[in-house]
Amino acid sequence: MSFEIDKNKGVEKKYFNSKDNIVSEDDFNVFQKASKSFNSVFEKYKGKEWNSQIKTEFELMFKKDLDPDLTLPVDALRVEKNIDKLQIEKDSQKALEYFEKKVSSLMPKVNKDTDITKKYTGSADVLNEYLKNTPLKGLGQEFINIQEKYGVNALFMMAISSVESGYGAAPAKGTKYNIGGLTRLSGGFQESDDFKDAINDLGSTLSNVYLRRGKITPDAVHHGGYATDKDWGSKVVKEWDNINRFIYSKK
């Protein structure tokens, strides 16, 4: 069972999202992955074809883990005919919405006026987990290192790399490692030696070109000349918020 969250409507789509009907990690959102039983159940069924039995076991697992008050008897796992599936759907949705509210109440709020010099103080491990399916896999600590070197929030830099290059999946045209869409004064995109160097170049540019001029918010960086896309700032803030949501769901 997988839910896709619609910020305005709550739960927009129920059950699994798999395009090929095979159980895979992409079928689940960050809230479900935060369930303490997720890994054990997922390892049991990953790579297998979705069916009603597998879906029911995931439903019960999320129901049990995300809201203890909604726990069903263990026998329900074995005797499918005793399961009120409609009630499970309803309770699972309720549990997921409750969990999302909990996460939202804990996580810091970011917007176009957030101070980008305020440091991320969490671990590199959770950043690595967020980046694990991208070309920037394993570079969570590097974002933190560059934060310390240049005074630019690590998550802000991650969000820029997402908006500009899909976390390195689509670097600037004609380059292999330009994750931030950085350009040369002489024209054209600048190139870095590797992704690690590209993170350094991003931090250096933000510090020397924007922070030095007092541009210390996403909106100020945007209108200070970083991007011409009128929606750039909102896209960056949205991804920054997604990263925060992931981090705090793990807590």
C-alpha atoms as a PDB file:
ATOM      1  CA  MET A   1       0.000   0.000   0.000  1.00  0.00           C
ATOM      2  CA  SER A   2       1.402   3.367  -0.918  1.00  0.00           C
ATOM      3  CA  PHE A   3       0.000   6.839  -0.385  1.00  0.00           C
ATOM      4  CA  GLU A   4       0.985   9.919  -2.349  1.00  0.00           C
ATOM      5  CA  ILE A   5       0.564  13.092  -0.318  1.00  0.00           C
ATOM      6  CA  ASP A   6      -1.266  16.030  -1.817  1.00  0.00           C
ATOM      7  CA  LYS A   7      -0.521  19.113   0.292  1.00  0.00           C
ATOM      8  CA  ASN A   8      -4.035  20.500  -0.196  1.00  0.00           C
ATOM      9  CA  LYS A   9      -6.196  17.393  -0.228  1.00  0.00           C
ATOM     10  CA  GLY A  10      -4.405  15.023   2.140  1.00  0.00           C
ATOM     11  CA  VAL A  11      -4.293  11.565   0.632  1.00  0.00           C
ATOM     12  CA  GLU A  12      -4.684  11.795  -3.116  1.00  0.00           C
ATOM     13  CA  LYS A  13      -3.895   8.259  -4.260  1.00  0.00           C
ATOM     14  CA  LYS A  14      -4.095   4.963  -2.390  1.00  0.00           C
ATOM     15  CA  TYR A  15      -2.351   1.630  -2.729  1.00  0.00           C
ATOM     16  CA  PHE A  16       0.831   0.936  -4.603  1.00  0.00           C
ATOM     17  CA  ASN A  17       2.226   3.219  -7.317  1.00  0.00           C
ATOM     18  CA  SER A  18       4.331   0.618  -9.120  1.00  0.00           C
ATOM     19  CA  LYS A  19       4.361   1.149 -12.870  1.00  0.00           C
ATOM     20  CA  ASP A  20       5.561  -2.387 -13.502  1.00  0.00           C
ATOM     21  CA  ASN A  21       3.434  -4.003 -10.746  1.00  0.00           C
ATOM     22  CA  ILE A  22       6.583  -5.156  -8.935  1.00  0.00           C
ATOM     23  CA  VAL A  23       7.220  -4.340  -5.279  1.00  0.00           C
ATOM     24  CA  SER A  24      10.026  -1.767  -5.150  1.00  0.00           C
ATOM     25  CA  GLU A  25      11.169   0.991  -2.793  1.00  0.00           C
ATOM     26  CA  ASP A  26       9.810   3.673  -5.114  1.00  0.00           C
ATOM     27  CA  ASP A  27       6.282   2.425  -4.358  1.00  0.00           C
ATOM     28  CA  PHE A  28       6.422   3.974  -0.877  1.00  0.00           C
ATOM     29  CA  ASN A  29       6.724   7.488   0.487  1.00  0.00           C
ATOM     30  CA  VAL A  30       9.045   8.711   3.235  1.00  0.00           C
ATOM     31  CA  PHE A  31       6.392   8.409   5.949  1.00  0.00           C
ATOM     32  CA  GLN A  32       5.811   4.746   5.235  1.00  0.00           C
ATOM     33  CA  LYS A  33       9.548   4.087   5.058  1.00  0.00           C
ATOM     34  CA  ALA A  34       9.790   5.568   8.559  1.00  0.00           C
ATOM     35  CA  SER A  35       7.603   2.741   9.872  1.00  0.00           C
ATOM     36  CA  LYS A  36       9.727   0.578  12.171  1.00  0.00           C
ATOM     37  CA  SER A  37       8.556  -2.609  10.453  1.00  0.00           C
ATOM     38  CA  PHE A  38       8.983  -1.374   6.901  1.00  0.00           C
ATOM     39  CA  ASN A  39      12.397  -2.863   6.163  1.00  0.00           C
ATOM     40  CA  SER A  40      11.519  -6.352   7.364  1.00  0.00           C
ATOM     41  CA  VAL A  41       8.282  -6.510   5.375  1.00  0.00           C
ATOM     42  CA  PHE A  42       9.822  -4.859   2.330  1.00  0.00           C
ATOM     43  CA  GLU A  43      12.792  -7.254   2.253  1.00  0.00           C
ATOM     44  CA  LYS A  44      10.316 -10.126   2.366  1.00  0.00           C
ATOM     45  CA  TYR A  45       8.431  -8.988  -0.736  1.00  0.00           C
ATOM     46  CA  LYS A  46      10.705  -6.732  -2.799  1.00  0.00           C
ATOM     47  CA  GLY A  47      10.990  -7.855  -6.394  1.00  0.00           C
ATOM     48  CA  LYS A  48       7.781  -9.856  -6.181  1.00  0.00           C
ATOM     49  CA  GLU A  49       4.583  -9.098  -8.047  1.00  0.00           C
ATOM     50  CA  TRP A  50       1.991  -7.113  -6.125  1.00  0.00           C
ATOM     51  CA  ASN A  51      -1.073  -9.083  -5.024  1.00  0.00           C
ATOM     52  CA  SER A  52      -3.843  -8.680  -2.468  1.00  0.00           C
ATOM     53  CA  GLN A  53      -2.013 -10.662   0.220  1.00  0.00           C
ATOM     54  CA  ILE A  54       1.126  -8.509  -0.016  1.00  0.00           C
ATOM     55  CA  LYS A  55      -0.937  -5.314  -0.089  1.00  0.00           C
ATOM     56  CA  THR A  56      -2.879  -6.394   2.987  1.00  0.00           C
ATOM     57  CA  GLU A  57       0.280  -7.162   4.958  1.00  0.00           C
ATOM     58  CA  PHE A  58       1.718  -3.732   4.180  1.00  0.00           C
ATOM     59  CA  GLU A  59      -1.606  -2.127   5.145  1.00  0.00           C
ATOM     60  CA  LEU A  60      -1.590  -3.890   8.496  1.00  0.00           C
ATOM     61  CA  MET A  61       2.058  -3.077   9.127  1.00  0.00           C
ATOM     62  CA  PHE A  62       1.569   0.660   8.483  1.00  0.00           C
ATOM     63  CA  LYS A  63      -1.603   0.629  10.546  1.00  0.00           C
ATOM     64  CA  LYS A  64       0.157  -0.993  13.482  1.00  0.00           C
ATOM     65  CA  ASP A  65       3.338   1.120  13.372  1.00  0.00           C
ATOM     66  CA  LEU A  66       2.030   4.562  12.517  1.00  0.00           C
ATOM     67  CA  ASP A  67      -0.686   4.668  15.150  1.00  0.00           C
ATOM     68  CA  PRO A  68      -0.612   2.121  18.014  1.00  0.00           C
ATOM     69  CA  ASP A  69      -4.238   2.916  18.830  1.00  0.00           C
ATOM     70  CA  LEU A  70      -5.238   1.372  15.513  1.00  0.00           C
ATOM     71  CA  THR A  71      -3.550  -1.989  16.070  1.00  0.00           C
ATOM     72  CA  LEU A  72      -5.448  -5.099  14.959  1.00  0.00           C
ATOM     73  CA  PRO A  73      -5.057  -8.569  16.474  1.00  0.00           C
ATOM     74  CA  VAL A  74      -2.029 -10.435  15.100  1.00  0.00           C
ATOM     75  CA  ASP A  75      -4.412 -13.171  13.927  1.00  0.00           C
ATOM     76  CA  ALA A  76      -5.698 -10.754  11.305  1.00  0.00           C
ATOM     77  CA  LEU A  77      -2.433 -11.223   9.454  1.00  0.00           C
ATOM     78  CA  ARG A  78      -3.178 -14.921   9.078  1.00  0.00           C
ATOM     79  CA  VAL A  79      -6.947 -14.930   8.634  1.00  0.00           C
ATOM     80  CA  GLU A  80      -7.655 -12.588   5.755  1.00  0.00           C
ATOM     81  CA  LYS A  81     -11.399 -13.226   5.837  1.00  0.00           C
ATOM     82  CA  ASN A  82     -11.527 -11.592   9.284  1.00  0.00           C
ATOM     83  CA  ILE A  83     -10.077  -8.320   7.966  1.00  0.00           C
ATOM     84  CA  ASP A  84     -12.415  -5.428   7.298  1.00  0.00           C
ATOM     85  CA  LYS A  85     -10.445  -4.042   4.365  1.00  0.00           C
ATOM     86  CA  LEU A  86     -12.467  -0.864   4.075  1.00  0.00           C
ATOM     87  CA  GLN A  87     -11.848  -0.091   7.728  1.00  0.00           C
ATOM     88  CA  ILE A  88      -8.136  -0.803   7.273  1.00  0.00           C
ATOM     89  CA  GLU A  89      -8.015   1.703   4.426  1.00  0.00           C
ATOM     90  CA  LYS A  90      -9.796   4.279   6.525  1.00  0.00           C
ATOM     91  CA  ASP A  91      -7.638   3.692   9.608  1.00  0.00           C
ATOM     92  CA  SER A  92      -4.424   3.575   7.586  1.00  0.00           C
ATOM     93  CA  GLN A  93      -5.268   6.907   6.003  1.00  0.00           C
ATOM     94  CA  LYS A  94      -6.013   8.331   9.433  1.00  0.00           C
ATOM     95  CA  ALA A  95      -2.710   7.013  10.807  1.00  0.00           C
ATOM     96  CA  LEU A  96      -0.735   8.415   7.882  1.00  0.00           C
ATOM     97  CA  GLU A  97      -2.338  11.841   8.197  1.00  0.00           C
ATOM     98  CA  TYR A  98      -1.660  11.795  11.945  1.00  0.00           C
ATOM     99  CA  PHE A  99       1.991  10.916  11.325  1.00  0.00           C
ATOM    100  CA  GLU A 100       2.365  13.651   8.708  1.00  0.00           C
ATOM    101  CA  LYS A 101       1.001  16.207  11.176  1.00  0.00           C
ATOM    102  CA  LYS A 102       3.485  15.005  13.795  1.00  0.00           C
ATOM    103  CA  VAL A 103       6.377  15.376  11.347  1.00  0.00           C
ATOM    104  CA  SER A 104       5.160  18.797  10.195  1.00  0.00           C
ATOM    105  CA  SER A 105       4.926  20.037  13.778  1.00  0.00           C
ATOM    106  CA  LEU A 106       8.562  19.078  14.464  1.00  0.00           C
ATOM    107  CA  MET A 107      10.342  20.133  11.293  1.00  0.00           C
ATOM    108  CA  PRO A 108      11.638  23.686  10.805  1.00  0.00           C
ATOM    109  CA  LYS A 109       9.649  25.871   8.480  1.00  0.00           C
ATOM    110  CA  VAL A 110      11.396  27.171   5.378  1.00  0.00           C
ATOM    111  CA  ASN A 111      10.221  29.811   2.932  1.00  0.00           C
ATOM    112  CA  LYS A 112      11.591  32.368   0.494  1.00  0.00           C
ATOM    113  CA  ASP A 113      12.836  34.502   3.411  1.00  0.00           C
ATOM    114  CA  THR A 114      14.618  31.748   5.373  1.00  0.00           C
ATOM    115  CA  ASP A 115      18.173  32.633   6.428  1.00  0.00           C
ATOM    116  CA  ILE A 116      20.467  30.427   4.314  1.00  0.00           C
ATOM    117  CA  THR A 117      23.409  31.106   6.638  1.00  0.00           C
ATOM    118  CA  LYS A 118      21.723  29.180   9.449  1.00  0.00           C
ATOM    119  CA  LYS A 119      23.470  25.808   9.535  1.00  0.00           C
ATOM    120  CA  TYR A 120      22.041  22.329   9.206  1.00  0.00           C
ATOM    121  CA  THR A 121      23.047  20.535  12.423  1.00  0.00           C
ATOM    122  CA  GLY A 122      21.955  16.979  11.680  1.00  0.00           C
ATOM    123  CA  SER A 123      23.937  13.959  10.532  1.00  0.00           C
ATOM    124  CA  ALA A 124      25.405  13.124   7.147  1.00  0.00           C
ATOM    125  CA  ASP A 125      23.857   9.650   7.331  1.00  0.00           C
ATOM    126  CA  VAL A 126      20.297  10.861   6.757  1.00  0.00           C
ATOM    127  CA  LEU A 127      21.475  13.083   3.883  1.00  0.00           C
ATOM    128  CA  ASN A 128      23.210  10.073   2.342  1.00  0.00           C
ATOM    129  CA  GLU A 129      19.990   8.116   2.661  1.00  0.00           C
ATOM    130  CA  TYR A 130      18.123  10.882   0.845  1.00  0.00           C
ATOM    131  CA  LEU A 131      20.756  10.971  -1.905  1.00  0.00           C
ATOM    132  CA  LYS A 132      21.282   7.216  -2.211  1.00  0.00           C
ATOM    133  CA  ASN A 133      19.484   6.823  -5.553  1.00  0.00           C
ATOM    134  CA  THR A 134      21.158   9.823  -7.195  1.00  0.00           C
ATOM    135  CA  PRO A 135      24.585  10.474  -8.745  1.00  0.00           C
ATOM    136  CA  LEU A 136      25.430  12.371  -5.529  1.00  0.00           C
ATOM    137  CA  LYS A 137      25.174   9.160  -3.500  1.00  0.00           C
ATOM    138  CA  GLY A 138      27.432   9.235  -0.429  1.00  0.00           C
ATOM    139  CA  LEU A 139      28.149  12.974  -0.596  1.00  0.00           C
ATOM    140  CA  GLY A 140      26.006  14.085   2.341  1.00  0.00           C
ATOM    141  CA  GLN A 141      29.102  14.835   4.423  1.00  0.00           C
ATOM    142  CA  GLU A 142      30.523  16.923   1.597  1.00  0.00           C
ATOM    143  CA  PHE A 143      27.497  19.239   1.678  1.00  0.00           C
ATOM    144  CA  ILE A 144      28.102  19.636   5.430  1.00  0.00           C
ATOM    145  CA  ASN A 145      31.832  20.251   4.889  1.00  0.00           C
ATOM    146  CA  ILE A 146      31.105  22.991   2.345  1.00  0.00           C
ATOM    147  CA  GLN A 147      28.511  24.467   4.708  1.00  0.00           C
ATOM    148  CA  GLU A 148      31.256  24.799   7.324  1.00  0.00           C
ATOM    149  CA  LYS A 149      33.734  26.186   4.786  1.00  0.00           C
ATOM    150  CA  TYR A 150      31.510  28.855   3.227  1.00  0.00           C
ATOM    151  CA  GLY A 151      28.654  29.394   5.693  1.00  0.00           C
ATOM    152  CA  VAL A 152      25.843  28.324   3.337  1.00  0.00           C
ATOM    153  CA  ASN A 153      23.165  25.931   4.604  1.00  0.00           C
ATOM    154  CA  ALA A 154      23.812  22.385   3.364  1.00  0.00           C
ATOM    155  CA  LEU A 155      20.136  21.676   2.627  1.00  0.00           C
ATOM    156  CA  PHE A 156      19.809  24.876   0.604  1.00  0.00           C
ATOM    157  CA  MET A 157      22.723  23.749  -1.558  1.00  0.00           C
ATOM    158  CA  MET A 158      21.182  20.300  -1.924  1.00  0.00           C
ATOM    159  CA  ALA A 159      17.883  21.860  -2.987  1.00  0.00           C
ATOM    160  CA  ILE A 160      19.652  23.970  -5.620  1.00  0.00           C
ATOM    161  CA  SER A 161      21.420  20.896  -6.981  1.00  0.00           C
ATOM    162  CA  SER A 162      18.034  19.173  -7.242  1.00  0.00           C
ATOM    163  CA  VAL A 163      16.373  22.049  -9.105  1.00  0.00           C
ATOM    164  CA  GLU A 164      19.345  22.722 -11.395  1.00  0.00           C
ATOM    165  CA  SER A 165      20.456  19.182 -12.202  1.00  0.00           C
ATOM    166  CA  GLY A 166      18.252  16.565 -10.538  1.00  0.00           C
ATOM    167  CA  TYR A 167      21.033  15.857  -8.019  1.00  0.00           C
ATOM    168  CA  GLY A 168      23.607  15.443 -10.767  1.00  0.00           C
ATOM    169  CA  ALA A 169      21.446  13.364 -13.109  1.00  0.00           C
ATOM    170  CA  ALA A 170      21.266  16.206 -15.648  1.00  0.00           C
ATOM    171  CA  PRO A 171      24.261  18.550 -15.188  1.00  0.00           C
ATOM    172  CA  ALA A 172      24.415  21.885 -16.982  1.00  0.00           C
ATOM    173  CA  LYS A 173      24.559  21.515 -20.763  1.00  0.00           C
ATOM    174  CA  GLY A 174      27.980  20.518 -22.023  1.00  0.00           C
ATOM    175  CA  THR A 175      29.284  19.566 -18.559  1.00  0.00           C
ATOM    176  CA  LYS A 176      29.583  16.349 -16.558  1.00  0.00           C
ATOM    177  CA  TYR A 177      29.573  17.710 -13.018  1.00  0.00           C
ATOM    178  CA  ASN A 178      28.018  21.198 -12.905  1.00  0.00           C
ATOM    179  CA  ILE A 179      25.149  20.503 -10.473  1.00  0.00           C
ATOM    180  CA  GLY A 180      24.283  24.147  -9.781  1.00  0.00           C
ATOM    181  CA  GLY A 181      23.931  25.637 -13.254  1.00  0.00           C
ATOM    182  CA  LEU A 182      26.942  27.881 -12.573  1.00  0.00           C
ATOM    183  CA  THR A 183      28.180  30.047 -15.442  1.00  0.00           C
ATOM    184  CA  ARG A 184      31.495  31.696 -16.342  1.00  0.00           C
ATOM    185  CA  LEU A 185      31.876  35.464 -16.529  1.00  0.00           C
ATOM    186  CA  SER A 186      33.090  34.961 -20.089  1.00  0.00           C
ATOM    187  CA  GLY A 187      29.935  33.030 -20.947  1.00  0.00           C
ATOM    188  CA  GLY A 188      28.886  29.402 -20.959  1.00  0.00           C
ATOM    189  CA  PHE A 189      28.697  26.949 -18.095  1.00  0.00           C
ATOM    190  CA  GLN A 190      31.677  26.332 -15.866  1.00  0.00           C
ATOM    191  CA  GLU A 191      32.869  22.774 -15.239  1.00  0.00           C
ATOM    192  CA  SER A 192      34.114  21.079 -12.081  1.00  0.00           C
ATOM    193  CA  ASP A 193      36.564  18.196 -11.750  1.00  0.00           C
ATOM    194  CA  ASP A 194      33.981  15.907 -10.133  1.00  0.00           C
ATOM    195  CA  PHE A 195      30.780  16.083  -8.087  1.00  0.00           C
ATOM    196  CA  LYS A 196      32.704  16.745  -4.887  1.00  0.00           C
ATOM    197  CA  ASP A 197      34.418  19.694  -6.533  1.00  0.00           C
ATOM    198  CA  ALA A 198      31.049  20.835  -7.915  1.00  0.00           C
ATOM    199  CA  ILE A 199      29.605  21.086  -4.384  1.00  0.00           C
ATOM    200  CA  ASN A 200      32.593  23.229  -3.422  1.00  0.00           C
ATOM    201  CA  ASP A 201      32.067  25.457  -6.468  1.00  0.00           C
ATOM    202  CA  LEU A 202      28.407  25.895  -5.554  1.00  0.00           C
ATOM    203  CA  GLY A 203      29.220  26.870  -1.964  1.00  0.00           C
ATOM    204  CA  SER A 204      31.995  29.211  -3.080  1.00  0.00           C
ATOM    205  CA  THR A 205      29.740  30.989  -5.591  1.00  0.00           C
ATOM    206  CA  LEU A 206      26.907  31.421  -3.105  1.00  0.00           C
ATOM    207  CA  SER A 207      29.298  32.798  -0.507  1.00  0.00           C
ATOM    208  CA  ASN A 208      31.378  35.102  -2.684  1.00  0.00           C
ATOM    209  CA  VAL A 209      28.708  36.334  -5.058  1.00  0.00           C
ATOM    210  CA  TYR A 210      25.593  36.441  -2.868  1.00  0.00           C
ATOM    211  CA  LEU A 211      26.344  36.280   0.872  1.00  0.00           C
ATOM    212  CA  ARG A 212      29.039  38.904   0.456  1.00  0.00           C
ATOM    213  CA  ARG A 213      26.393  41.266  -0.963  1.00  0.00           C
ATOM    214  CA  GLY A 214      23.950  40.524   1.859  1.00  0.00           C
ATOM    215  CA  LYS A 215      21.824  38.130  -0.199  1.00  0.00           C
ATOM    216  CA  ILE A 216      21.058  35.615   2.530  1.00  0.00           C
ATOM    217  CA  THR A 217      17.604  34.268   1.637  1.00  0.00           C
ATOM    218  CA  PRO A 218      16.392  32.078  -1.259  1.00  0.00           C
ATOM    219  CA  ASP A 219      14.432  35.045  -2.610  1.00  0.00           C
ATOM    220  CA  ALA A 220      17.426  37.365  -2.412  1.00  0.00           C
ATOM    221  CA  VAL A 221      19.679  34.842  -4.151  1.00  0.00           C
ATOM    222  CA  HIS A 222      17.063  34.303  -6.847  1.00  0.00           C
ATOM    223  CA  HIS A 223      16.535  37.984  -7.583  1.00  0.00           C
ATOM    224  CA  GLY A 224      20.201  38.724  -7.007  1.00  0.00           C
ATOM    225  CA  GLY A 225      20.883  37.103 -10.357  1.00  0.00           C
ATOM    226  CA  TYR A 226      21.134  33.366  -9.721  1.00  0.00           C
ATOM    227  CA  ALA A 227      18.309  32.303 -12.048  1.00  0.00           C
ATOM    228  CA  THR A 228      15.922  33.790 -14.589  1.00  0.00           C
ATOM    229  CA  ASP A 229      13.165  31.227 -14.013  1.00  0.00           C
ATOM    230  CA  LYS A 230      10.450  33.137 -12.132  1.00  0.00           C
ATOM    231  CA  ASP A 231       9.592  29.990 -10.150  1.00  0.00           C
ATOM    232  CA  TRP A 232      13.191  29.107  -9.220  1.00  0.00           C
ATOM    233  CA  GLY A 233      12.922  30.308  -5.632  1.00  0.00           C
ATOM    234  CA  SER A 234       9.688  28.448  -4.920  1.00  0.00           C
ATOM    235  CA  LYS A 235      11.106  25.259  -6.471  1.00  0.00           C
ATOM    236  CA  VAL A 236      14.203  25.436  -4.287  1.00  0.00           C
ATOM    237  CA  VAL A 237      12.162  26.104  -1.137  1.00  0.00           C
ATOM    238  CA  LYS A 238       9.831  23.216  -1.975  1.00  0.00           C
ATOM    239  CA  GLU A 239      12.729  20.774  -2.291  1.00  0.00           C
ATOM    240  CA  TRP A 240      14.344  22.126   0.885  1.00  0.00           C
ATOM    241  CA  ASP A 241      11.030  21.442   2.608  1.00  0.00           C
ATOM    242  CA  ASN A 242      10.965  17.901   1.136  1.00  0.00           C
ATOM    243  CA  ILE A 243      14.452  17.221   2.534  1.00  0.00           C
ATOM    244  CA  ASN A 244      13.406  18.499   5.964  1.00  0.00           C
ATOM    245  CA  ARG A 245      10.291  16.333   5.866  1.00  0.00           C
ATOM    246  CA  PHE A 246      12.413  13.274   5.112  1.00  0.00           C
ATOM    247  CA  ILE A 247      14.886  14.094   7.887  1.00  0.00           C
ATOM    248  CA  TYR A 248      12.190  14.621  10.515  1.00  0.00           C
ATOM    249  CA  SER A 249      10.239  11.543   9.484  1.00  0.00           C
ATOM    250  CA  LYS A 250      13.348   9.587  10.460  1.00  0.00           C
ATOM    251  CA  LYS A 251      13.256  11.107  13.925  1.00  0.00           C
END
